[in-house]
C-alpha atoms as a PDB file:
ATOM      1  CA  MET A   1     116.753-204.851  55.364  1.00  0.00           C
ATOM      2  CA  LYS A   2     116.478-201.739  54.441  1.00  0.00           C
ATOM      3  CA  ARG A   3     113.022-200.838  55.464  1.00  0.00           C
ATOM      4  CA  SER A   4     113.321-202.463  58.855  1.00  0.00           C
ATOM      5  CA  VAL A   5     116.072-200.467  59.611  1.00  0.00           C
ATOM      6  CA  TRP A   6     114.913-197.102  59.017  1.00  0.00           C
ATOM      7  CA  LEU A   7     111.471-198.350  60.818  1.00  0.00           C
ATOM      8  CA  LEU A   8     112.830-199.245  63.673  1.00  0.00           C
ATOM      9  CA  LEU A   9     114.878-195.318  63.123  1.00  0.00           C
ATOM     10  CA  ILE A  10     111.928-193.147  63.333  1.00  0.00           C
ATOM     11  CA  LEU A  11     110.349-195.818  65.965  1.00  0.00           C
ATOM     12  CA  ALA A  12     113.045-194.524  67.664  1.00  0.00           C
ATOM     13  CA  LEU A  13     112.817-190.887  66.927  1.00  0.00           C
ATOM     14  CA  VAL A  14     109.036-191.262  68.001  1.00  0.00           C
ATOM     15  CA  VAL A  15     109.702-192.750  71.628  1.00  0.00           C
ATOM     16  CA  ALA A  16     111.928-190.155  72.421  1.00  0.00           C
ATOM     17  CA  TYR A  17     110.515-187.042  70.954  1.00  0.00           C
ATOM     18  CA  PRO A  18     109.605-186.380  74.250  1.00  0.00           C
ATOM     19  CA  LEU A  19     112.842-186.329  75.940  1.00  0.00           C
ATOM     20  CA  LEU A  20     114.758-184.601  72.923  1.00  0.00           C
ATOM     21  CA  PHE A  21     111.723-181.506  73.170  1.00  0.00           C
ATOM     22  CA  ALA A  22     111.258-181.117  76.790  1.00  0.00           C
ATOM     23  CA  THR A  23     108.890-178.358  76.429  1.00  0.00           C
ATOM     24  CA  PRO A  24     105.577-178.354  76.725  1.00  0.00           C
ATOM     25  CA  PHE A  25     104.693-177.113  74.658  1.00  0.00           C
ATOM     26  CA  LEU A  26     106.320-179.624  72.569  1.00  0.00           C
ATOM     27  CA  GLN A  27     105.179-182.232  74.679  1.00  0.00           C
ATOM     28  CA  ARG A  28     101.453-181.106  74.170  1.00  0.00           C
ATOM     29  CA  LEU A  29     102.058-181.297  70.278  1.00  0.00           C
ATOM     30  CA  GLY A  30     103.186-184.888  69.839  1.00  0.00           C
ATOM     31  CA  ALA A  31     101.065-185.881  72.387  1.00  0.00           C
ATOM     32  CA  LEU A  32      97.747-184.693  70.095  1.00  0.00           C
ATOM     33  CA  VAL A  33      99.926-186.224  67.235  1.00  0.00           C
ATOM     34  CA  LEU A  34      99.347-189.396  68.301  1.00  0.00           C
ATOM     35  CA  LEU A  35      96.125-188.611  69.185  1.00  0.00           C
ATOM     36  CA  TYR A  36      94.868-187.542  66.050  1.00  0.00           C
ATOM     37  CA  ALA A  37      97.139-190.069  64.524  1.00  0.00           C
ATOM     38  CA  ILE A  38      94.874-193.251  66.366  1.00  0.00           C
ATOM     39  CA  ALA A  39      91.626-191.050  64.980  1.00  0.00           C
ATOM     40  CA  ALA A  40      92.654-190.785  61.739  1.00  0.00           C
ATOM     41  CA  SER A  41      93.894-194.512  61.127  1.00  0.00           C
ATOM     42  CA  ALA A  42      90.741-195.954  63.122  1.00  0.00           C
ATOM     43  CA  TRP A  43      88.510-193.771  60.012  1.00  0.00           C
ATOM     44  CA  ASN A  44      91.801-195.359  57.076  1.00  0.00           C
ATOM     45  CA  ILE A  45      90.071-199.111  57.650  1.00  0.00           C
ATOM     46  CA  VAL A  46      86.583-197.584  56.212  1.00  0.00           C
ATOM     47  CA  GLY A  47      87.325-194.991  54.075  1.00  0.00           C
ATOM     48  CA  GLY A  48      91.059-195.465  53.324  1.00  0.00           C
ATOM     49  CA  TYR A  49      91.154-199.711  52.053  1.00  0.00           C
ATOM     50  CA  ALA A  50      87.378-200.061  52.138  1.00  0.00           C
ATOM     51  CA  GLY A  51      86.401-196.707  49.598  1.00  0.00           C
ATOM     52  CA  GLN A  52      84.139-195.658  51.977  1.00  0.00           C
ATOM     53  CA  VAL A  53      84.139-191.831  52.522  1.00  0.00           C
ATOM     54  CA  SER A  54      82.236-190.651  56.263  1.00  0.00           C
ATOM     55  CA  VAL A  55      81.932-188.076  57.251  1.00  0.00           C
ATOM     56  CA  GLY A  56      80.452-187.840  60.096  1.00  0.00           C
ATOM     57  CA  HIS A  57      83.371-190.293  62.228  1.00  0.00           C
ATOM     58  CA  VAL A  58      82.036-188.068  64.571  1.00  0.00           C
ATOM     59  CA  VAL A  59      78.950-189.823  65.567  1.00  0.00           C
ATOM     60  CA  PHE A  60      81.811-192.052  67.323  1.00  0.00           C
ATOM     61  CA  PHE A  61      84.141-190.257  68.530  1.00  0.00           C
ATOM     62  CA  GLY A  62      81.441-188.315  70.362  1.00  0.00           C
ATOM     63  CA  CYS A  63      80.508-192.409  71.617  1.00  0.00           C
ATOM     64  CA  GLY A  64      83.499-192.883  73.606  1.00  0.00           C
ATOM     65  CA  ALA A  65      84.244-188.424  74.800  1.00  0.00           C
ATOM     66  CA  TYR A  66      80.850-188.976  76.772  1.00  0.00           C
ATOM     67  CA  ALA A  67      80.486-192.471  77.971  1.00  0.00           C
ATOM     68  CA  SER A  68      83.904-191.603  79.553  1.00  0.00           C
ATOM     69  CA  MET A  69      82.716-188.259  80.658  1.00  0.00           C
ATOM     70  CA  ALA A  70      79.526-189.804  82.101  1.00  0.00           C
ATOM     71  CA  PHE A  71      80.295-192.831  83.571  1.00  0.00           C
ATOM     72  CA  TYR A  72      82.370-190.483  86.075  1.00  0.00           C
ATOM     73  CA  THR A  73      79.966-187.467  85.998  1.00  0.00           C
ATOM     74  CA  HIS A  74      77.138-190.671  87.002  1.00  0.00           C
ATOM     75  CA  PHE A  75      78.608-193.224  88.861  1.00  0.00           C
ATOM     76  CA  GLY A  76      82.609-191.885  90.303  1.00  0.00           C
ATOM     77  CA  TRP A  77      84.612-194.128  87.457  1.00  0.00           C
ATOM     78  CA  PRO A  78      87.334-193.283  86.226  1.00  0.00           C
ATOM     79  CA  PRO A  79      86.483-192.099  83.361  1.00  0.00           C
ATOM     80  CA  ILE A  80      88.858-194.450  80.958  1.00  0.00           C
ATOM     81  CA  ALA A  81      87.221-196.937  82.409  1.00  0.00           C
ATOM     82  CA  ALA A  82      83.787-196.752  79.914  1.00  0.00           C
ATOM     83  CA  VAL A  83      86.277-197.882  77.054  1.00  0.00           C
ATOM     84  CA  PRO A  84      84.711-200.604  76.373  1.00  0.00           C
ATOM     85  CA  VAL A  85      81.508-199.275  76.703  1.00  0.00           C
ATOM     86  CA  GLY A  86      82.002-196.182  74.204  1.00  0.00           C
ATOM     87  CA  MET A  87      83.373-198.919  71.628  1.00  0.00           C
ATOM     88  CA  MET A  88      80.249-201.824  72.295  1.00  0.00           C
ATOM     89  CA  ALA A  89      78.000-198.664  71.680  1.00  0.00           C
ATOM     90  CA  SER A  90      79.981-197.423  68.571  1.00  0.00           C
ATOM     91  CA  ILE A  91      79.899-200.942  66.576  1.00  0.00           C
ATOM     92  CA  GLY A  92      76.764-201.293  67.537  1.00  0.00           C
ATOM     93  CA  ILE A  93      76.021-197.678  66.341  1.00  0.00           C
ATOM     94  CA  ALA A  94      77.989-198.183  62.916  1.00  0.00           C
ATOM     95  CA  ALA A  95      75.692-201.590  63.031  1.00  0.00           C
ATOM     96  CA  LEU A  96      72.314-199.866  63.157  1.00  0.00           C
ATOM     97  CA  ILE A  97      73.748-196.546  60.943  1.00  0.00           C
ATOM     98  CA  GLY A  98      75.764-199.599  58.447  1.00  0.00           C
ATOM     99  CA  VAL A  99      72.700-201.831  56.624  1.00  0.00           C
ATOM    100  CA  PRO A 100      71.213-199.064  55.455  1.00  0.00           C
ATOM    101  CA  THR A 101      74.028-196.582  54.503  1.00  0.00           C
ATOM    102  CA  LEU A 102      76.532-198.409  53.017  1.00  0.00           C
ATOM    103  CA  ARG A 103      73.580-199.494  50.691  1.00  0.00           C
ATOM    104  CA  LEU A 104      74.877-196.337  49.002  1.00  0.00           C
ATOM    105  CA  SER A 105      77.497-194.894  47.221  1.00  0.00           C
ATOM    106  CA  GLY A 106      80.379-191.921  46.800  1.00  0.00           C
ATOM    107  CA  HIS A 107      79.097-188.951  47.552  1.00  0.00           C
ATOM    108  CA  TYR A 108      75.597-190.164  48.765  1.00  0.00           C
ATOM    109  CA  PHE A 109      77.491-192.070  50.996  1.00  0.00           C
ATOM    110  CA  SER A 110      79.634-189.693  52.385  1.00  0.00           C
ATOM    111  CA  MET A 111      76.221-187.141  53.310  1.00  0.00           C
ATOM    112  CA  ALA A 112      74.183-189.297  54.404  1.00  0.00           C
ATOM    113  CA  THR A 113      76.590-190.082  57.485  1.00  0.00           C
ATOM    114  CA  ILE A 114      77.250-185.785  57.590  1.00  0.00           C
ATOM    115  CA  ALA A 115      73.602-186.355  58.179  1.00  0.00           C
ATOM    116  CA  VAL A 116      73.538-188.679  61.294  1.00  0.00           C
ATOM    117  CA  ALA A 117      76.443-186.876  63.208  1.00  0.00           C
ATOM    118  CA  GLU A 118      74.541-183.949  63.007  1.00  0.00           C
ATOM    119  CA  LEU A 119      71.043-185.648  64.452  1.00  0.00           C
ATOM    120  CA  ALA A 120      73.750-187.109  66.973  1.00  0.00           C
ATOM    121  CA  ARG A 121      75.058-184.028  67.922  1.00  0.00           C
ATOM    122  CA  LEU A 122      71.000-181.376  68.384  1.00  0.00           C
ATOM    123  CA  ILE A 123      70.794-185.349  70.109  1.00  0.00           C
ATOM    124  CA  VAL A 124      73.483-185.013  72.500  1.00  0.00           C
ATOM    125  CA  THR A 125      72.297-180.977  72.775  1.00  0.00           C
ATOM    126  CA  ASN A 126      68.746-181.865  74.114  1.00  0.00           C
ATOM    127  CA  ILE A 127      69.297-185.134  76.857  1.00  0.00           C
ATOM    128  CA  GLU A 128      70.604-183.376  80.458  1.00  0.00           C
ATOM    129  CA  ALA A 129      71.735-186.848  81.389  1.00  0.00           C
ATOM    130  CA  LEU A 130      74.723-185.602  79.253  1.00  0.00           C
ATOM    131  CA  GLY A 131      74.813-182.371  79.944  1.00  0.00           C
ATOM    132  CA  ALA A 132      73.202-180.935  77.052  1.00  0.00           C
ATOM    133  CA  ALA A 133      74.265-178.020  75.526  1.00  0.00           C
ATOM    134  CA  VAL A 134      76.823-177.355  78.720  1.00  0.00           C
ATOM    135  CA  GLY A 135      78.933-180.383  78.318  1.00  0.00           C
ATOM    136  CA  LEU A 136      80.310-183.034  80.852  1.00  0.00           C
ATOM    137  CA  SER A 137      83.203-182.347  83.273  1.00  0.00           C
ATOM    138  CA  GLY A 138      85.997-185.171  84.293  1.00  0.00           C
ATOM    139  CA  PRO A 139      87.333-184.874  87.910  1.00  0.00           C
ATOM    140  CA  VAL A 140      88.790-181.980  88.733  1.00  0.00           C
ATOM    141  CA  MET A 141      91.800-183.369  90.689  1.00  0.00           C
ATOM    142  CA  PRO A 142      93.865-186.898  89.904  1.00  0.00           C
ATOM    143  CA  ARG A 143      91.540-189.104  93.066  1.00  0.00           C
ATOM    144  CA  THR A 144      94.031-192.609  92.011  1.00  0.00           C
ATOM    145  CA  VAL A 145      96.462-192.954  88.798  1.00  0.00           C
ATOM    146  CA  PHE A 146      93.738-194.348  87.114  1.00  0.00           C
ATOM    147  CA  ASP A 147      91.879-191.151  86.583  1.00  0.00           C
ATOM    148  CA  LEU A 148      94.661-190.222  84.009  1.00  0.00           C
ATOM    149  CA  SER A 149      94.832-186.813  85.246  1.00  0.00           C
ATOM    150  CA  PHE A 150      98.126-185.546  84.331  1.00  0.00           C
ATOM    151  CA  THR A 151      99.877-182.428  84.722  1.00  0.00           C
ATOM    152  CA  SER A 152     101.975-182.961  82.093  1.00  0.00           C
ATOM    153  CA  ALA A 153     101.395-184.330  78.700  1.00  0.00           C
ATOM    154  CA  LEU A 154     104.210-186.470  78.802  1.00  0.00           C
ATOM    155  CA  PRO A 155     102.002-190.042  80.490  1.00  0.00           C
ATOM    156  CA  TYR A 156      99.649-188.397  77.627  1.00  0.00           C
ATOM    157  CA  TYR A 157     102.293-189.071  74.507  1.00  0.00           C
ATOM    158  CA  TYR A 158     103.329-192.535  75.614  1.00  0.00           C
ATOM    159  CA  LEU A 159      99.800-193.042  77.199  1.00  0.00           C
ATOM    160  CA  PHE A 160      99.079-192.644  73.866  1.00  0.00           C
ATOM    161  CA  LEU A 161     101.610-193.841  71.401  1.00  0.00           C
ATOM    162  CA  ALA A 162     100.941-198.030  73.035  1.00  0.00           C
ATOM    163  CA  VAL A 163      97.394-196.961  72.266  1.00  0.00           C
ATOM    164  CA  LEU A 164      98.438-196.224  68.459  1.00  0.00           C
ATOM    165  CA  LEU A 165     100.733-199.249  68.050  1.00  0.00           C
ATOM    166  CA  VAL A 166      97.735-201.777  68.134  1.00  0.00           C
ATOM    167  CA  VAL A 167      96.030-199.723  65.794  1.00  0.00           C
ATOM    168  CA  LEU A 168      98.508-199.756  63.991  1.00  0.00           C
ATOM    169  CA  GLY A 169      99.511-203.481  64.477  1.00  0.00           C
ATOM    170  CA  LEU A 170      95.126-204.369  64.129  1.00  0.00           C
ATOM    171  CA  THR A 171      95.838-202.531  60.678  1.00  0.00           C
ATOM    172  CA  TYR A 172      98.395-203.844  59.402  1.00  0.00           C
ATOM    173  CA  TRP A 173      97.489-207.655  60.167  1.00  0.00           C
ATOM    174  CA  MET A 174      93.903-206.820  58.477  1.00  0.00           C
ATOM    175  CA  GLU A 175      95.905-205.474  55.582  1.00  0.00           C
ATOM    176  CA  ASN A 176      97.577-208.656  55.109  1.00  0.00           C
ATOM    177  CA  SER A 177      94.311-211.370  55.053  1.00  0.00           C
ATOM    178  CA  ARG A 178      91.880-212.020  53.774  1.00  0.00           C
ATOM    179  CA  ILE A 179      90.021-209.414  55.200  1.00  0.00           C
ATOM    180  CA  GLY A 180      91.836-206.584  53.836  1.00  0.00           C
ATOM    181  CA  PHE A 181      92.340-208.487  50.116  1.00  0.00           C
ATOM    182  CA  TYR A 182      88.312-207.607  50.471  1.00  0.00           C
ATOM    183  CA  LEU A 183      88.358-204.672  51.137  1.00  0.00           C
ATOM    184  CA  ARG A 184      90.865-202.979  48.577  1.00  0.00           C
ATOM    185  CA  ALA A 185      89.011-205.383  45.855  1.00  0.00           C
ATOM    186  CA  ILE A 186      85.561-203.808  46.471  1.00  0.00           C
ATOM    187  CA  LYS A 187      86.513-199.859  46.655  1.00  0.00           C
ATOM    188  CA  ASP A 188      89.043-200.842  42.940  1.00  0.00           C
ATOM    189  CA  ASN A 189      85.421-202.331  41.821  1.00  0.00           C
ATOM    190  CA  GLU A 190      82.686-202.923  43.505  1.00  0.00           C
ATOM    191  CA  ARG A 191      80.629-204.950  40.700  1.00  0.00           C
ATOM    192  CA  ALA A 192      84.422-206.744  39.980  1.00  0.00           C
ATOM    193  CA  ALA A 193      84.453-207.571  43.437  1.00  0.00           C
ATOM    194  CA  ARG A 194      81.100-209.290  43.304  1.00  0.00           C
ATOM    195  CA  SER A 195      81.367-210.971  40.844  1.00  0.00           C
ATOM    196  CA  LEU A 196      83.710-213.061  42.570  1.00  0.00           C
ATOM    197  CA  GLY A 197      82.108-213.637  44.535  1.00  0.00           C
ATOM    198  CA  VAL A 198      82.889-210.962  47.705  1.00  0.00           C
ATOM    199  CA  GLN A 199      80.174-210.970  50.109  1.00  0.00           C
ATOM    200  CA  ALA A 200      80.824-206.690  49.957  1.00  0.00           C
ATOM    201  CA  GLY A 201      78.089-205.570  51.809  1.00  0.00           C
ATOM    202  CA  ARG A 202      78.629-207.630  54.997  1.00  0.00           C
ATOM    203  CA  TYR A 203      82.334-206.442  54.608  1.00  0.00           C
ATOM    204  CA  LYS A 204      81.911-203.053  54.427  1.00  0.00           C
ATOM    205  CA  LEU A 205      80.119-202.891  57.896  1.00  0.00           C
ATOM    206  CA  TYR A 206      82.914-205.210  59.281  1.00  0.00           C
ATOM    207  CA  ALA A 207      85.188-202.497  58.713  1.00  0.00           C
ATOM    208  CA  TYR A 208      82.890-199.665  60.150  1.00  0.00           C
ATOM    209  CA  MET A 209      82.356-201.317  62.455  1.00  0.00           C
ATOM    210  CA  ILE A 210      85.873-202.146  63.510  1.00  0.00           C
ATOM    211  CA  SER A 211      86.410-198.656  62.780  1.00  0.00           C
ATOM    212  CA  ALA A 212      84.169-197.307  64.944  1.00  0.00           C
ATOM    213  CA  GLY A 213      85.860-198.991  67.758  1.00  0.00           C
ATOM    214  CA  LEU A 214      88.438-197.644  67.369  1.00  0.00           C
ATOM    215  CA  THR A 215      87.804-193.627  67.058  1.00  0.00           C
ATOM    216  CA  SER A 216      85.925-194.095  69.983  1.00  0.00           C
ATOM    217  CA  VAL A 217      89.025-195.211  71.983  1.00  0.00           C
ATOM    218  CA  ALA A 218      90.469-192.284  70.628  1.00  0.00           C
ATOM    219  CA  GLY A 219      87.535-190.163  71.809  1.00  0.00           C
ATOM    220  CA  ALA A 220      87.810-191.299  75.519  1.00  0.00           C
ATOM    221  CA  LEU A 221      91.753-190.467  75.313  1.00  0.00           C
ATOM    222  CA  TYR A 222      90.469-186.830  74.647  1.00  0.00           C
ATOM    223  CA  ALA A 223      87.379-186.561  76.993  1.00  0.00           C
ATOM    224  CA  THR A 224      90.402-187.849  79.993  1.00  0.00           C
ATOM    225  CA  MET A 225      93.227-185.498  78.677  1.00  0.00           C
ATOM    226  CA  TYR A 226      91.368-182.806  78.237  1.00  0.00           C
ATOM    227  CA  GLY A 227      88.463-183.387  81.068  1.00  0.00           C
ATOM    228  CA  PHE A 228      85.705-181.999  79.576  1.00  0.00           C
ATOM    229  CA  ILE A 229      83.634-182.924  76.211  1.00  0.00           C
ATOM    230  CA  ASP A 230      80.442-180.538  75.212  1.00  0.00           C
ATOM    231  CA  PRO A 231      78.712-181.084  71.415  1.00  0.00           C
ATOM    232  CA  ASP A 232      81.006-179.145  69.850  1.00  0.00           C
ATOM    233  CA  SER A 233      84.137-180.157  70.756  1.00  0.00           C
ATOM    234  CA  GLY A 234      82.753-184.225  70.818  1.00  0.00           C
ATOM    235  CA  LEU A 235      80.767-184.780  67.892  1.00  0.00           C
ATOM    236  CA  GLY A 236      80.562-180.502  66.076  1.00  0.00           C
ATOM    237  CA  ILE A 237      81.218-181.911  62.331  1.00  0.00           C
ATOM    238  CA  LEU A 238      84.775-180.510  61.848  1.00  0.00           C
ATOM    239  CA  THR A 239      86.540-183.426  63.631  1.00  0.00           C
ATOM    240  CA  SER A 240      85.146-185.284  61.019  1.00  0.00           C
ATOM    241  CA  VAL A 241      86.360-183.259  58.996  1.00  0.00           C
ATOM    242  CA  LYS A 242      89.783-182.978  60.772  1.00  0.00           C
ATOM    243  CA  ILE A 243      89.483-187.101  60.705  1.00  0.00           C
ATOM    244  CA  LEU A 244      89.235-187.035  57.274  1.00  0.00           C
ATOM    245  CA  ILE A 245      91.568-184.778  55.626  1.00  0.00           C
ATOM    246  CA  MET A 246      94.896-185.640  57.949  1.00  0.00           C
ATOM    247  CA  ALA A 247      94.417-189.719  56.016  1.00  0.00           C
ATOM    248  CA  ALA A 248      93.471-188.616  52.905  1.00  0.00           C
ATOM    249  CA  LEU A 249      96.765-185.387  53.182  1.00  0.00           C
ATOM    250  CA  GLY A 250      99.061-188.599  54.864  1.00  0.00           C
ATOM    251  CA  GLY A 251      98.034-190.839  52.130  1.00  0.00           C
ATOM    252  CA  ALA A 252      94.172-193.272  52.627  1.00  0.00           C
ATOM    253  CA  GLY A 253      94.417-197.638  52.334  1.00  0.00           C
ATOM    254  CA  LEU A 254      98.507-196.639  53.452  1.00  0.00           C
ATOM    255  CA  LEU A 255      99.430-197.359  56.862  1.00  0.00           C
ATOM    256  CA  PHE A 256     101.455-195.069  57.829  1.00  0.00           C
ATOM    257  CA  GLY A 257      99.261-192.884  55.728  1.00  0.00           C
ATOM    258  CA  PRO A 258      97.333-190.838  58.768  1.00  0.00           C
ATOM    259  CA  LEU A 259     100.639-190.577  60.833  1.00  0.00           C
ATOM    260  CA  VAL A 260     102.278-188.671  58.431  1.00  0.00           C
ATOM    261  CA  GLY A 261      98.996-186.513  58.140  1.00  0.00           C
ATOM    262  CA  ALA A 262      98.762-186.036  62.003  1.00  0.00           C
ATOM    263  CA  ALA A 263     102.162-184.476  61.936  1.00  0.00           C
ATOM    264  CA  ILE A 264     101.803-182.535  59.409  1.00  0.00           C
ATOM    265  CA  LEU A 265      98.187-180.650  59.785  1.00  0.00           C
ATOM    266  CA  VAL A 266      98.368-180.588  64.280  1.00  0.00           C
ATOM    267  CA  PRO A 267     101.856-178.787  64.391  1.00  0.00           C
ATOM    268  CA  LEU A 268     100.164-177.176  61.189  1.00  0.00           C
ATOM    269  CA  GLU A 269      96.671-176.298  63.312  1.00  0.00           C
ATOM    270  CA  GLU A 270      98.466-175.529  67.036  1.00  0.00           C
ATOM    271  CA  ILE A 271     101.097-173.155  65.676  1.00  0.00           C
ATOM    272  CA  SER A 272      98.727-171.116  63.365  1.00  0.00           C
ATOM    273  CA  ASN A 273      96.197-170.635  67.019  1.00  0.00           C
ATOM    274  CA  ASN A 274      99.166-169.992  69.004  1.00  0.00           C
ATOM    275  CA  VAL A 275     100.085-166.713  67.015  1.00  0.00           C
ATOM    276  CA  LEU A 276      96.745-165.213  65.737  1.00  0.00           C
ATOM    277  CA  GLY A 277      95.467-165.867  68.792  1.00  0.00           C
ATOM    278  CA  GLY A 278      91.731-166.304  68.089  1.00  0.00           C
ATOM    279  CA  LYS A 279      92.220-165.716  64.838  1.00  0.00           C
ATOM    280  CA  GLY A 280      93.732-169.191  64.374  1.00  0.00           C
ATOM    281  CA  ALA A 281      90.384-170.584  64.832  1.00  0.00           C
ATOM    282  CA  GLY A 282      88.910-168.924  61.584  1.00  0.00           C
ATOM    283  CA  LEU A 283      91.611-169.638  59.724  1.00  0.00           C
ATOM    284  CA  THR A 284      92.013-172.914  60.099  1.00  0.00           C
ATOM    285  CA  PHE A 285      88.341-173.610  58.066  1.00  0.00           C
ATOM    286  CA  VAL A 286      90.312-171.590  55.434  1.00  0.00           C
ATOM    287  CA  VAL A 287      93.665-174.097  55.447  1.00  0.00           C
ATOM    288  CA  TYR A 288      90.983-177.230  55.247  1.00  0.00           C
ATOM    289  CA  GLY A 289      89.380-175.811  52.339  1.00  0.00           C
ATOM    290  CA  ALA A 290      93.474-175.147  50.094  1.00  0.00           C
ATOM    291  CA  ILE A 291      94.836-179.227  51.508  1.00  0.00           C
ATOM    292  CA  ILE A 292      90.575-180.369  49.966  1.00  0.00           C
ATOM    293  CA  MET A 293      91.467-178.307  47.439  1.00  0.00           C
ATOM    294  CA  ILE A 294      95.667-179.294  46.699  1.00  0.00           C
ATOM    295  CA  ILE A 295      94.980-183.531  47.398  1.00  0.00           C
ATOM    296  CA  ALA A 296      92.033-183.616  44.798  1.00  0.00           C
ATOM    297  CA  ARG A 297      94.154-181.947  42.388  1.00  0.00           C
ATOM    298  CA  PHE A 298      97.469-182.270  42.559  1.00  0.00           C
ATOM    299  CA  TYR A 299      97.439-186.067  44.203  1.00  0.00           C
ATOM    300  CA  PRO A 300      94.562-187.484  45.648  1.00  0.00           C
ATOM    301  CA  SER A 301      96.722-190.630  46.613  1.00  0.00           C
ATOM    302  CA  GLY A 302      98.801-188.284  49.868  1.00  0.00           C
ATOM    303  CA  LEU A 303     102.565-187.353  50.368  1.00  0.00           C
ATOM    304  CA  LEU A 304     103.308-191.265  51.636  1.00  0.00           C
ATOM    305  CA  ARG A 305     102.270-192.479  47.735  1.00  0.00           C
ATOM    306  CA  LEU A 306     103.762-189.802  46.616  1.00  0.00           C
ATOM    307  CA  VAL A 307     107.480-190.005  48.245  1.00  0.00           C
ATOM    308  CA  LEU A 308     107.214-193.923  48.090  1.00  0.00           C
ATOM    309  CA  ASP A 309     106.008-193.585  44.109  1.00  0.00           C
ATOM    310  CA  ARG A 310     109.824-190.938  44.003  1.00  0.00           C
ATOM    311  CA  LEU A 311     111.720-193.644  45.852  1.00  0.00           C
ATOM    312  CA  ALA A 312     110.690-195.948  43.481  1.00  0.00           C
ATOM    313  CA  ALA A 313     111.083-194.382  40.849  1.00  0.00           C
ATOM    314  CA  ALA A 314     115.181-193.587  42.298  1.00  0.00           C
ATOM    315  CA  ASN A 315     115.616-197.278  43.102  1.00  0.00           C
ATOM    316  CA  SER A 316     114.777-198.257  39.989  1.00  0.00           C
ATOM    317  CA  ALA A 317     116.453-195.203  37.527  1.00  0.00           C
ATOM    318  CA  SER A 318     119.909-196.805  40.156  1.00  0.00           C
ATOM    319  CA  SER A 319     119.101-200.226  39.608  1.00  0.00           C
ATOM    320  CA  ASP A 320     119.130-199.510  35.504  1.00  0.00           C
ATOM    321  CA  LYS A 321     121.819-197.723  35.487  1.00  0.00           C
ATOM    322  CA  LYS A 322     123.789-200.413  36.755  1.00  0.00           C
ATOM    323  CA  VAL A 323     122.951-202.966  34.763  1.00  0.00           C
ATOM    324  CA  ARG A 324     123.695-200.572  32.077  1.00  0.00           C
ATOM    325  CA  ASP A 325     127.213-200.269  33.941  1.00  0.00           C
ATOM    326  CA  ALA A 326     127.799-204.219  33.838  1.00  0.00           C
ATOM    327  CA  ALA A 327     126.606-204.556  30.204  1.00  0.00           C
END
């Protein structure tokens, strides 16, 4: 009961956030937190639950972003109309590269995904239909509401919140279904899982494809909000690193872990960029490196797991004290 009350209270605060903090900067900051929480939650399916640390998820992020801008540029469609196309393209690419790369394990798989992401960036940079190195732009002025071109961040906030709730709902369903149990077994000990009859390769590929499709949605929303995409913003490796760190910082393999990581990392990056101006971009790399070292050294399970463990220990100590007092 207490858990349900706390969840409802947190949800109410999230819904009311842009109304409580009505400044444009804070509304935009909230929208960005939700946007990156979508991407990190999508990564969490394959990286957190299945234990396959992909550093090349920006490929799928870029698929969604480029599909949205390309459909507007070449066909005049609202950018958001290309979301299904971006998802199908991402799922197809995930199936194509997942079959060989998911046979690798540990850092070998991570290195393979980095190579795929960099190859995709180089290919797109040389395709004129995708804007080459210049990139693609969306509608300059909104033609209809379906262009999702708003001057305020408030509509984006609630749109991203709705999408995030869908992604979290799907993740929760997977977490408590057969595929979720299989993925956790594969993460803990793939060899033992195979010995018990789990088709590890198939379920890792399923997780990779689902994660890819959801990540492309985040990319499409990013392109719609910013109205522009180029190889650096849509396919830069830093985006993959950012998504990975958010999930790991909050707690990979936990439902709300990526949201916690995004709520910490996005404001940190935005505030540093605003305070330091152009110098903030360089500081971002330093901060990311420091966070990676701190997570790996002190608490690999993430901050949310740390908080949950502390609360569980406190509850256990309280229960023991009540038993002693009763005796």
